[in-house]
Amino acid sequence: MIISITVNKSNVFDALKKDKNIFYNYVLGLLLKNEIIKHKTVEIILDKRTIKVSHGESFPDYIKTQVWSEGHNIDISCCFLESTHNKMLWFADWYANFVWRNYEDNENSSYNIIKDTTYFSEKRLYF
């Protein structure tokens, strides 16, 4: 299953836009939490390029807090890899580009192919 999340940033609260890393954690948490709680053990592989060095890699702590604070006893591990060295991250970037081009450039030929498939799910925020 491929899940994407699309955010209309112009409608996001100003306070949430102050720190891109906090916003990233929030959106990624919304995207993943309901999928994570379906499993006993989860390994999340994240693209290292998306993490700001000044903030470190805070998503693992954030998602564990979100999941464990609801009483879910799930083994969660996260690793950060360069997408240029990982074919699955490269593949995810490829799909993300289809979604991005659909909304940013109104170029939807690739998006239209994937949007109605059984393996692709899209969430939208602030639309």
Protein backbone atom coordinates (compact mmCIF):
# COMPACT_ATOMS: atom_id res chain seq x y z
CA MET A 1 0.00 0.00 0.00
CA ILE A 2 1.23 3.46 -0.91
CA ILE A 3 -0.23 6.29 1.17
CA SER A 4 0.33 9.96 0.44
CA ILE A 5 -0.74 13.05 2.30
CA THR A 6 -1.34 16.37 0.59
CA VAL A 7 -1.48 19.61 2.57
CA ASN A 8 -2.75 22.99 1.44
CA LYS A 9 -0.14 24.95 3.39
CA SER A 10 -1.86 28.30 2.87
CA ASN A 11 -4.58 27.16 5.30
CA VAL A 12 -2.23 25.80 7.99
CA PHE A 13 -2.19 27.66 11.31
CA ASP A 14 0.68 30.17 11.46
CA ALA A 15 1.94 28.70 14.74
CA LEU A 16 2.31 25.28 13.12
CA LYS A 17 4.31 26.80 10.24
CA LYS A 18 6.93 28.35 12.57
CA ASP A 19 9.08 25.22 12.59
CA LYS A 20 9.18 23.02 9.47
CA ASN A 21 10.41 20.02 11.45
CA ILE A 22 7.47 20.19 13.89
CA PHE A 23 5.08 20.52 10.96
CA TYR A 24 6.77 17.56 9.24
CA ASN A 25 6.41 15.42 12.38
CA TYR A 26 2.76 16.40 12.76
CA VAL A 27 1.82 15.59 9.16
CA LEU A 28 3.83 12.37 9.05
CA GLY A 29 2.25 11.31 12.33
CA LEU A 30 -1.23 11.88 10.86
CA LEU A 31 -0.24 9.80 7.86
CA LEU A 32 1.34 6.87 9.69
CA LYS A 33 -0.19 6.46 13.14
CA ASN A 34 -3.33 4.59 12.05
CA GLU A 35 -1.19 2.25 9.94
CA ILE A 36 1.34 1.64 12.72
CA ILE A 37 -1.24 0.57 15.29
CA LYS A 38 -2.29 -2.34 13.05
CA HIS A 39 1.03 -4.12 13.73
CA LYS A 40 3.11 -5.47 16.63
CA THR A 41 6.46 -4.37 15.16
CA VAL A 42 7.12 -1.53 12.73
CA GLU A 43 10.27 -0.29 11.02
CA ILE A 44 9.93 3.14 9.44
CA ILE A 45 12.49 4.13 6.84
CA LEU A 46 12.66 7.87 6.27
CA ASP A 47 14.50 9.93 3.71
CA LYS A 48 17.38 11.66 5.44
CA ARG A 49 17.07 14.69 3.14
CA THR A 50 13.77 15.73 4.75
CA ILE A 51 15.24 16.17 8.24
CA LYS A 52 16.76 19.49 9.25
CA VAL A 53 20.17 18.95 10.84
CA SER A 54 19.60 21.67 13.45
CA HIS A 55 16.65 19.74 14.88
CA GLY A 56 18.12 16.28 14.69
CA GLU A 57 15.99 13.29 13.99
CA SER A 58 12.99 13.97 16.20
CA PHE A 59 10.33 11.99 14.35
CA PRO A 60 11.09 8.66 16.09
CA ASP A 61 10.41 10.21 19.51
CA TYR A 62 7.34 12.02 18.21
CA ILE A 63 5.67 8.95 16.68
CA LYS A 64 6.49 6.75 19.67
CA THR A 65 4.89 9.33 21.97
CA GLN A 66 1.80 9.50 19.75
CA VAL A 67 1.37 5.72 19.58
CA TRP A 68 2.46 4.69 23.08
CA SER A 69 0.47 7.45 24.81
CA GLU A 70 -2.68 5.77 23.51
CA GLY A 71 -1.69 2.48 25.16
CA HIS A 72 -0.39 0.67 22.06
CA ASN A 73 2.55 -1.56 22.97
CA ILE A 74 4.24 -1.61 19.56
CA ASP A 75 7.94 -2.02 18.85
CA ILE A 76 8.74 0.99 16.62
CA SER A 77 12.12 1.56 15.02
CA CYS A 78 13.08 4.30 12.59
CA CYS A 79 16.09 4.69 10.36
CA PHE A 80 17.14 7.52 8.10
CA LEU A 81 18.59 6.72 4.70
CA GLU A 82 19.50 8.71 1.61
CA SER A 83 16.88 8.09 -1.08
CA THR A 84 19.64 7.93 -3.67
CA HIS A 85 20.87 4.75 -1.94
CA ASN A 86 17.51 3.07 -1.31
CA LYS A 87 15.25 1.91 -4.13
CA MET A 88 12.10 1.93 -1.99
CA LEU A 89 12.65 5.56 -0.99
CA TRP A 90 13.40 6.39 -4.61
CA PHE A 91 10.12 4.72 -5.55
CA ALA A 92 8.23 6.73 -2.90
CA ASP A 93 9.82 9.95 -4.23
CA TRP A 94 8.62 8.98 -7.70
CA TYR A 95 5.01 8.63 -6.50
CA ALA A 96 5.25 11.81 -4.43
CA ASN A 97 6.34 13.66 -7.55
CA PHE A 98 3.21 12.44 -9.40
CA VAL A 99 1.02 13.82 -6.61
CA TRP A 100 3.00 17.08 -6.34
CA ARG A 101 2.82 17.74 -10.10
CA ASN A 102 -0.93 17.15 -10.03
CA TYR A 103 -1.51 19.90 -7.46
CA GLU A 104 1.32 22.32 -8.21
CA ASP A 105 1.53 22.18 -12.01
CA ASN A 106 -1.89 20.78 -12.91
CA GLU A 107 -0.02 18.01 -14.76
CA ASN A 108 -2.06 14.97 -13.87
CA SER A 109 -1.39 12.30 -16.48
CA SER A 110 0.69 10.13 -14.10
CA TYR A 111 -1.47 10.97 -11.07
CA ASN A 112 -4.61 9.88 -12.92
CA ILE A 113 -3.05 6.47 -13.55
CA ILE A 114 -2.26 5.81 -9.87
CA LYS A 115 -5.14 7.55 -8.09
CA ASP A 116 -7.75 4.88 -8.68
CA THR A 117 -5.59 1.84 -8.05
CA THR A 118 -6.11 -0.43 -5.05
CA TYR A 119 -2.54 0.08 -3.80
CA PHE A 120 -2.64 3.90 -3.63
CA SER A 121 -4.41 5.95 -0.97
CA GLU A 122 -4.32 9.71 -0.60
CA LYS A 123 -5.17 11.80 2.45
CA ARG A 124 -5.77 15.53 2.18
CA LEU A 125 -5.47 18.19 4.86
CA TYR A 126 -6.84 21.72 4.98
CA PHE A 127 -8.73 21.51 1.67
